[in-house]
Amino acid sequence: MGDTTPMGAATRKRFPRPGKKLAIVLAVIAGLAVLGLGSISYATYDYSKAHEGRILPGAEIAGVDVSGMTKEEAIAAVREVMTVQMGETVTVTWKDKVWEGTRADLGARLNVKDAVRAALAASEETSFMKKARMRVFGDELDFSRPVAIRYPMRGLRGFVAGIASDFEIEARDASIDYSSDWVEFTKARQGREIQIQKTARALEEALSAGSSEAELSVAAIKPEVTDDAYKQVLLVHIGDNMLYLYEKGKITHEWPVATGTADFMTPTGEFVVELLRYMPTWVNPHPDSGWGLSMPESIPPGPNNPLGLRAINWSAPNIRFHGTPSEYSIGYNASHGCVRMFNEDVIELYDLIDVGVPIISVVHGDLRPMGSSSSTPEPSAENSAE
């Protein structure tokens, strides 16, 4: 048979539909995208595995780049740098004195482990997408953490207490010693004491504010007994029968005296001036017995008064410095315990001293009796009342 196609009819060509072409393109793109995402996912997974247990890039602790480090590596790296800071000098001053130590000497503590744990936690908590960007585009963790240096109060106090042994001075009271039969003076001394807690607080505040210097807090300790307590001292020598007045540690006056007999010794030891009596009246202590029977009940003030023109009472009962009409007894052990003086001398003494002046009485040398003792002693201040 021949060709049945009608003559003049056009031959038709077949072309893909437009919708189908787009679908193919999209399918290709999708396939590529899936392939790309798969590659990215795999790369990100591989990136995560490579940093497992390590700190992601972009982490800094105390200025140290700890990117890619394990916990132990990061701790070691940061501590190496911080060791330098721990060795930095801390200064405590007082006037022209300076004490130095290191931060370590102050018991400083570092929290490096906490900072490293925080960096690891931030790395572990980073999202998949963030890690993808870090893998593909080089993004970083952006983690920065300082390491604080802590100063336990115990360490600060210990450092300050260490200064005390070289600095503190114990207060010293003024005192006298008469073991040599002469008066030797020890001057008072003000003490000083470090206020440990206050200084430790000042150090803590200074270090927290970024400073490495603080001032020592010092308290002055005053002596209980000052030099004024011994500004004047009276020294009686029984035996030599002399009276000395010390002023500011030096003998400025001396007078001959009469002291008690062997049977009526002037008391020895430390006493004070208790009363100053101007023109004293002598009162008979024994008007009804013994030698008092021959004496009046009292003798008014004057040169013939057994107490003389002045009387200076001791803190010892019935003992006093006083003048005397019996001037021949001066220089001897002749009284019933009191210390007799020439009237002009006791007046001078009266004008020089005041109540409260210390009196030291010692035996110095052999006694000098006037002769055999009388059964009827002459009246004297120790036999009288005020």
Protein backbone atom coordinates (compact mmCIF):
# COMPACT_ATOMS: atom_id res chain seq x y z
CA MET A 1 0.00 0.00 0.00
CA GLY A 2 1.09 3.50 -0.53
CA ASP A 3 1.39 6.48 1.85
CA THR A 4 -1.97 7.17 3.37
CA THR A 5 -1.01 10.60 4.75
CA PRO A 6 -3.17 13.13 3.10
CA MET A 7 -1.29 15.31 0.78
CA GLY A 8 -0.49 18.72 2.04
CA ALA A 9 -0.80 17.72 5.72
CA ALA A 10 2.12 19.03 8.05
CA THR A 11 4.29 16.62 10.03
CA ARG A 12 4.00 17.25 13.94
CA LYS A 13 7.11 17.33 16.30
CA ARG A 14 6.80 16.28 20.03
CA PHE A 15 8.25 18.78 22.77
CA PRO A 16 8.28 18.32 26.60
CA ARG A 17 5.65 20.20 28.47
CA PRO A 18 6.92 23.36 30.35
CA GLY A 19 5.66 22.15 33.75
CA LYS A 20 7.48 18.92 33.48
CA LYS A 21 10.76 20.71 32.63
CA LEU A 22 10.52 22.90 35.73
CA ALA A 23 9.85 19.87 37.84
CA ILE A 24 12.98 18.23 36.52
CA VAL A 25 15.06 21.35 37.28
CA LEU A 26 13.65 21.60 40.75
CA ALA A 27 14.28 17.93 41.32
CA VAL A 28 17.89 18.38 40.29
CA ILE A 29 18.29 21.41 42.55
CA ALA A 30 16.63 19.56 45.40
CA GLY A 31 18.92 16.66 44.88
CA LEU A 32 21.92 18.92 44.91
CA ALA A 33 20.59 20.67 48.02
CA VAL A 34 20.05 17.38 49.77
CA LEU A 35 23.50 16.34 48.75
CA GLY A 36 24.91 19.68 49.98
CA LEU A 37 23.02 19.54 53.23
CA GLY A 38 24.14 16.03 53.71
CA SER A 39 27.69 17.08 53.14
CA ILE A 40 27.29 20.02 55.55
CA SER A 41 25.60 17.81 58.08
CA TYR A 42 28.35 15.29 57.83
CA ALA A 43 30.99 17.99 58.06
CA THR A 44 29.24 19.53 61.07
CA TYR A 45 28.97 16.12 62.69
CA ASP A 46 32.64 15.54 62.01
CA TYR A 47 33.41 19.03 63.44
CA SER A 48 31.44 18.23 66.60
CA LYS A 49 33.19 14.90 67.01
CA ALA A 50 36.56 16.60 66.58
CA HIS A 51 35.70 19.05 69.41
CA GLU A 52 34.02 16.55 71.68
CA GLY A 53 35.27 17.18 75.23
CA ARG A 54 37.07 20.29 74.02
CA ILE A 55 36.34 23.98 74.10
CA LEU A 56 35.10 25.40 70.79
CA PRO A 57 37.07 28.11 68.97
CA GLY A 58 36.60 31.66 70.21
CA ALA A 59 36.90 30.97 73.94
CA GLU A 60 39.10 33.06 76.19
CA ILE A 61 39.74 32.75 79.93
CA ALA A 62 41.74 35.42 81.78
CA GLY A 63 43.13 36.57 78.44
CA VAL A 64 44.27 33.06 77.50
CA ASP A 65 42.95 31.52 74.24
CA VAL A 66 41.68 28.10 75.28
CA SER A 67 40.16 27.17 71.90
CA GLY A 68 40.32 23.44 71.20
CA MET A 69 41.63 22.59 74.66
CA THR A 70 40.44 19.88 76.99
CA LYS A 71 39.51 20.72 80.56
CA GLU A 72 42.94 19.75 81.89
CA GLU A 73 44.79 21.60 79.12
CA ALA A 74 42.78 24.77 79.68
CA ILE A 75 43.29 24.67 83.46
CA ALA A 76 47.04 24.24 83.01
CA ALA A 77 47.29 27.03 80.42
CA VAL A 78 45.33 29.53 82.51
CA ARG A 79 47.14 28.66 85.72
CA GLU A 80 50.49 29.17 84.03
CA VAL A 81 49.51 32.74 83.23
CA MET A 82 47.82 33.34 86.58
CA THR A 83 50.91 32.13 88.45
CA VAL A 84 52.60 35.33 87.35
CA GLN A 85 49.80 37.37 88.89
CA MET A 86 49.95 35.32 92.08
CA GLY A 87 53.60 36.33 92.39
CA GLU A 88 52.88 40.05 92.06
CA THR A 89 53.93 42.21 95.02
CA VAL A 90 51.43 43.49 97.56
CA THR A 91 52.59 46.33 99.83
CA VAL A 92 51.58 47.40 103.34
CA THR A 93 52.91 50.75 104.59
CA TRP A 94 53.06 52.74 107.82
CA LYS A 95 54.86 56.08 107.80
CA ASP A 96 58.29 55.28 106.33
CA LYS A 97 58.04 51.54 106.93
CA VAL A 98 57.16 49.12 104.12
CA TRP A 99 56.28 45.42 104.19
CA GLU A 100 55.96 43.39 101.00
CA GLY A 101 54.52 40.03 100.12
CA THR A 102 53.00 38.27 97.14
CA ARG A 103 49.36 37.57 96.47
CA ALA A 104 50.18 33.95 97.24
CA ASP A 105 51.56 35.04 100.62
CA LEU A 106 48.13 36.50 101.34
CA GLY A 107 46.54 33.09 100.75
CA ALA A 108 45.03 34.07 97.38
CA ARG A 109 42.80 31.50 95.68
CA LEU A 110 41.90 31.12 91.97
CA ASN A 111 38.64 29.78 90.51
CA VAL A 112 40.21 28.58 87.24
CA LYS A 113 38.25 25.32 87.28
CA ASP A 114 34.92 27.14 87.42
CA ALA A 115 35.85 29.29 84.42
CA VAL A 116 36.96 26.26 82.40
CA ARG A 117 33.78 24.36 83.29
CA ALA A 118 31.76 27.34 82.06
CA ALA A 119 33.67 27.36 78.74
CA LEU A 120 33.06 23.63 78.25
CA ALA A 121 29.38 24.03 79.12
CA ALA A 122 29.03 26.86 76.61
CA SER A 123 30.67 24.66 73.97
CA GLU A 124 28.39 21.70 74.69
CA GLU A 125 25.28 23.88 74.64
CA THR A 126 26.11 25.41 71.24
CA SER A 127 23.36 24.53 68.72
CA PHE A 128 23.86 22.43 65.59
CA MET A 129 23.21 25.43 63.36
CA LYS A 130 25.75 27.51 65.27
CA LYS A 131 28.32 24.76 64.89
CA ALA A 132 27.47 24.54 61.17
CA ARG A 133 28.19 28.23 60.75
CA MET A 134 31.41 27.80 62.75
CA ARG A 135 32.41 24.96 60.39
CA VAL A 136 31.39 26.65 57.17
CA PHE A 137 31.82 30.38 57.80
CA GLY A 138 34.37 30.39 60.64
CA ASP A 139 32.06 31.79 63.30
CA GLU A 140 33.36 31.58 66.89
CA LEU A 141 31.95 30.80 70.31
CA ASP A 142 32.49 34.34 71.59
CA PHE A 143 33.14 33.22 75.19
CA SER A 144 35.23 35.36 77.51
CA ARG A 145 35.59 34.91 81.25
CA PRO A 146 37.97 36.53 83.77
CA VAL A 147 39.42 34.54 86.66
CA ALA A 148 38.82 36.27 89.95
CA ILE A 149 41.46 36.07 92.67
CA ARG A 150 39.84 35.52 96.04
CA TYR A 151 41.50 36.47 99.31
CA PRO A 152 40.18 34.49 102.29
CA MET A 153 40.13 36.65 105.42
CA ARG A 154 42.13 34.02 107.27
CA GLY A 155 45.03 34.45 104.85
CA LEU A 156 44.90 38.25 105.02
CA ARG A 157 44.88 38.20 108.82
CA GLY A 158 47.78 35.76 108.83
CA PHE A 159 49.86 38.03 106.61
CA VAL A 160 49.17 41.07 108.80
CA ALA A 161 49.86 39.08 111.97
CA GLY A 162 53.25 38.20 110.52
CA ILE A 163 54.11 41.90 110.47
CA ALA A 164 53.20 42.28 114.13
CA SER A 165 56.18 40.35 115.49
CA ASP A 166 58.62 42.84 113.96
CA PHE A 167 56.55 45.93 114.60
CA GLU A 168 54.53 45.85 117.79
CA ILE A 169 55.93 47.37 120.96
CA GLU A 170 54.58 46.54 124.38
CA ALA A 171 53.66 49.53 126.51
CA ARG A 172 55.97 49.97 129.49
CA ASP A 173 55.03 51.61 132.76
CA ALA A 174 57.36 54.07 134.43
CA SER A 175 58.98 52.41 137.41
CA ILE A 176 61.69 52.78 140.02
CA ASP A 177 64.15 50.36 141.54
CA TYR A 178 65.96 50.97 144.82
CA SER A 179 67.66 47.62 145.37
CA SER A 180 70.99 49.46 145.31
CA ASP A 181 69.74 51.83 148.08
CA TRP A 182 69.59 54.54 145.42
CA VAL A 183 66.67 55.22 143.15
CA GLU A 184 66.98 54.11 139.54
CA PHE A 185 64.30 55.20 137.09
CA THR A 186 62.81 53.41 134.10
CA LYS A 187 60.90 55.75 131.84
CA ALA A 188 57.45 54.94 130.56
CA ARG A 189 57.12 53.88 126.95
CA GLN A 190 54.10 54.09 124.72
CA GLY A 191 53.30 50.84 122.99
CA ARG A 192 51.85 50.21 119.56
CA GLU A 193 49.65 47.41 118.39
CA ILE A 194 48.54 46.44 114.91
CA GLN A 195 44.79 46.34 114.41
CA ILE A 196 44.89 43.07 112.50
CA GLN A 197 41.23 42.81 111.47
CA LYS A 198 41.03 46.45 110.37
CA THR A 199 44.22 46.17 108.31
CA ALA A 200 43.06 42.90 106.74
CA ARG A 201 39.80 44.59 105.70
CA ALA A 202 41.73 47.49 104.19
CA LEU A 203 43.87 45.03 102.22
CA GLU A 204 40.78 43.20 101.00
CA GLU A 205 39.16 46.44 99.83
CA ALA A 206 42.33 47.66 98.12
CA LEU A 207 42.84 44.39 96.24
CA SER A 208 39.19 44.27 95.20
CA ALA A 209 39.56 47.79 93.80
CA GLY A 210 42.60 46.79 91.76
CA SER A 211 45.21 48.30 94.05
CA SER A 212 48.14 46.40 95.54
CA GLU A 213 48.83 48.73 98.47
CA ALA A 214 47.17 49.30 101.84
CA GLU A 215 48.07 51.18 105.01
CA LEU A 216 48.76 49.46 108.30
CA SER A 217 46.23 50.34 110.99
CA VAL A 218 48.02 50.95 114.28
CA ALA A 219 46.68 51.65 117.78
CA ALA A 220 48.78 53.47 120.37
CA ILE A 221 48.87 51.74 123.75
CA LYS A 222 49.40 54.16 126.61
CA PRO A 223 51.26 53.06 129.73
CA GLU A 224 49.23 52.92 132.91
CA VAL A 225 52.01 54.57 134.94
CA THR A 226 53.56 57.64 133.32
CA ASP A 227 56.82 59.44 134.09
CA ASP A 228 54.83 62.04 136.04
CA ALA A 229 54.26 59.43 138.74
CA TYR A 230 57.96 59.71 139.60
CA LYS A 231 58.55 63.33 138.69
CA GLN A 232 59.64 63.77 142.33
CA VAL A 233 60.81 61.01 144.67
CA LEU A 234 62.03 61.26 148.27
CA LEU A 235 64.72 58.83 149.44
CA VAL A 236 65.45 58.33 153.15
CA HIS A 237 68.73 56.69 154.14
CA ILE A 238 68.38 55.21 157.62
CA GLY A 239 71.88 54.85 159.11
CA ASP A 240 73.53 57.55 157.04
CA ASN A 241 70.54 59.64 158.12
CA MET A 242 70.17 61.62 154.93
CA LEU A 243 67.13 62.67 152.91
CA TYR A 244 67.34 63.14 149.13
CA LEU A 245 64.90 64.71 146.71
CA TYR A 246 64.98 63.37 143.15
CA GLU A 247 63.44 65.53 140.45
CA LYS A 248 63.11 64.09 136.94
CA GLY A 249 65.50 61.31 137.86
CA LYS A 250 68.26 63.48 139.35
CA ILE A 251 69.09 64.39 142.96
CA THR A 252 68.46 68.11 143.32
CA HIS A 253 68.35 68.51 147.12
CA GLU A 254 69.70 66.67 150.15
CA TRP A 255 69.30 67.26 153.88
CA PRO A 256 70.67 65.67 157.06
CA VAL A 257 67.97 64.07 159.22
CA ALA A 258 67.40 62.04 162.37
CA THR A 259 65.68 58.68 161.96
CA GLY A 260 64.33 56.08 164.38
CA THR A 261 66.36 54.23 166.97
CA ALA A 262 67.01 50.50 166.79
CA ASP A 263 63.98 49.94 169.02
CA PHE A 264 61.72 52.31 167.06
CA MET A 265 63.01 51.95 163.50
CA THR A 266 61.72 54.22 160.80
CA PRO A 267 59.68 51.93 158.52
CA THR A 268 61.30 50.85 155.26
CA GLY A 269 59.73 50.38 151.84
CA GLU A 270 57.56 52.53 149.60
CA PHE A 271 55.19 55.18 150.90
CA VAL A 272 53.69 58.46 149.70
CA VAL A 273 53.23 61.93 151.11
CA GLU A 274 49.73 61.91 152.55
CA LEU A 275 49.33 65.32 154.17
CA LEU A 276 51.20 68.64 154.38
CA ARG A 277 50.73 70.43 157.72
CA TYR A 278 51.59 74.07 158.20
CA MET A 279 52.53 75.15 161.75
CA PRO A 280 51.22 71.92 163.32
CA THR A 281 49.89 71.61 166.89
CA TRP A 282 51.36 68.80 168.96
CA VAL A 283 48.76 66.74 170.86
CA ASN A 284 49.83 64.52 173.77
CA PRO A 285 49.00 60.91 172.82
CA HIS A 286 49.50 59.55 176.37
CA PRO A 287 48.41 62.24 178.85
CA ASP A 288 47.51 59.68 181.53
CA SER A 289 50.52 57.36 181.47
CA GLY A 290 54.26 57.08 181.03
CA TRP A 291 56.20 59.99 179.77
CA GLY A 292 52.99 61.75 178.74
CA LEU A 293 52.15 62.43 182.38
CA SER A 294 54.83 65.11 182.50
CA MET A 295 53.75 66.73 179.23
CA PRO A 296 50.92 69.16 178.55
CA GLU A 297 47.85 68.03 176.66
CA SER A 298 49.02 69.97 173.62
CA ILE A 299 51.71 72.37 172.47
CA PRO A 300 50.74 75.14 170.05
CA PRO A 301 52.66 75.87 166.85
CA GLY A 302 56.08 77.42 167.25
CA PRO A 303 59.81 76.68 167.41
CA ASN A 304 59.45 74.70 170.66
CA ASN A 305 56.72 72.45 169.28
CA PRO A 306 57.99 68.83 169.02
CA LEU A 307 56.77 68.83 165.40
CA GLY A 308 58.66 72.01 164.58
CA LEU A 309 57.32 74.48 162.04
CA ARG A 310 56.11 71.97 159.44
CA ALA A 311 54.96 68.34 159.40
CA ILE A 312 54.65 66.13 156.33
CA ASN A 313 52.68 62.94 156.98
CA TRP A 314 53.60 59.63 155.36
CA SER A 315 51.10 56.99 154.32
CA ALA A 316 52.61 54.90 157.15
CA PRO A 317 50.67 55.35 160.44
CA ASN A 318 52.05 58.08 162.74
CA ILE A 319 55.19 58.62 160.65
CA ARG A 320 56.13 62.03 159.25
CA PHE A 321 58.89 64.40 158.28
CA HIS A 322 58.87 67.28 160.75
CA GLY A 323 60.95 70.02 162.24
CA THR A 324 62.38 69.73 165.73
CA PRO A 325 63.66 71.91 168.55
CA SER A 326 66.16 69.11 169.31
CA GLU A 327 68.54 69.99 166.51
CA TYR A 328 71.39 68.16 168.24
CA SER A 329 69.71 64.86 167.25
CA ILE A 330 70.05 65.52 163.53
CA GLY A 331 72.41 62.99 161.95
CA TYR A 332 71.63 60.26 164.47
CA ASN A 333 69.15 57.47 165.00
CA ALA A 334 67.29 59.27 167.74
CA SER A 335 63.53 59.38 167.07
CA HIS A 336 60.63 57.06 167.72
CA GLY A 337 60.29 56.43 163.98
CA CYS A 338 59.67 59.84 162.44
CA VAL A 339 62.23 61.70 160.35
CA ARG A 340 63.36 64.89 162.09
CA MET A 341 64.74 67.83 160.12
CA PHE A 342 66.10 71.26 160.83
CA ASN A 343 63.19 73.68 160.74
CA GLU A 344 64.60 75.64 157.80
CA ASP A 345 65.08 72.36 155.91
CA VAL A 346 61.57 71.06 156.54
CA ILE A 347 60.18 74.43 155.43
CA GLU A 348 62.17 74.13 152.19
CA LEU A 349 60.92 70.57 151.67
CA TYR A 350 57.34 71.63 152.44
CA ASP A 351 57.53 74.28 149.71
CA LEU A 352 59.02 71.92 147.12
CA ILE A 353 56.64 68.96 147.21
CA ASP A 354 52.95 68.11 147.21
CA VAL A 355 50.69 65.30 148.35
CA GLY A 356 51.29 62.05 146.47
CA VAL A 357 55.07 62.27 146.12
CA PRO A 358 56.60 58.77 146.56
CA ILE A 359 58.81 58.14 149.59
CA ILE A 360 61.45 55.40 149.55
CA SER A 361 62.95 54.42 152.89
CA VAL A 362 65.96 52.08 153.13
CA VAL A 363 68.65 51.20 155.63
CA HIS A 364 71.96 52.44 154.23
CA GLY A 365 74.98 52.17 156.47
CA ASP A 366 75.26 51.42 160.18
CA LEU A 367 72.89 52.98 162.68
CA ARG A 368 74.26 55.94 164.64
CA PRO A 369 72.69 55.95 168.10
CA MET A 370 73.08 59.03 170.27
CA GLY A 371 74.02 56.91 173.32
CA SER A 372 72.17 54.85 175.87
CA SER A 373 68.41 55.00 175.41
CA SER A 374 66.41 56.92 178.01
CA SER A 375 63.49 55.39 179.87
CA THR A 376 61.70 58.66 179.36
CA PRO A 377 61.95 59.61 175.69
CA GLU A 378 61.51 63.18 174.74
CA PRO A 379 58.23 63.97 172.97
CA SER A 380 58.37 63.69 169.19
CA ALA A 381 55.98 63.63 166.25
CA GLU A 382 55.58 59.91 166.31
CA ASN A 383 54.17 60.23 169.84
CA SER A 384 51.59 62.80 168.88
CA ALA A 385 48.25 63.12 167.24
CA GLU A 386 47.29 65.76 164.80
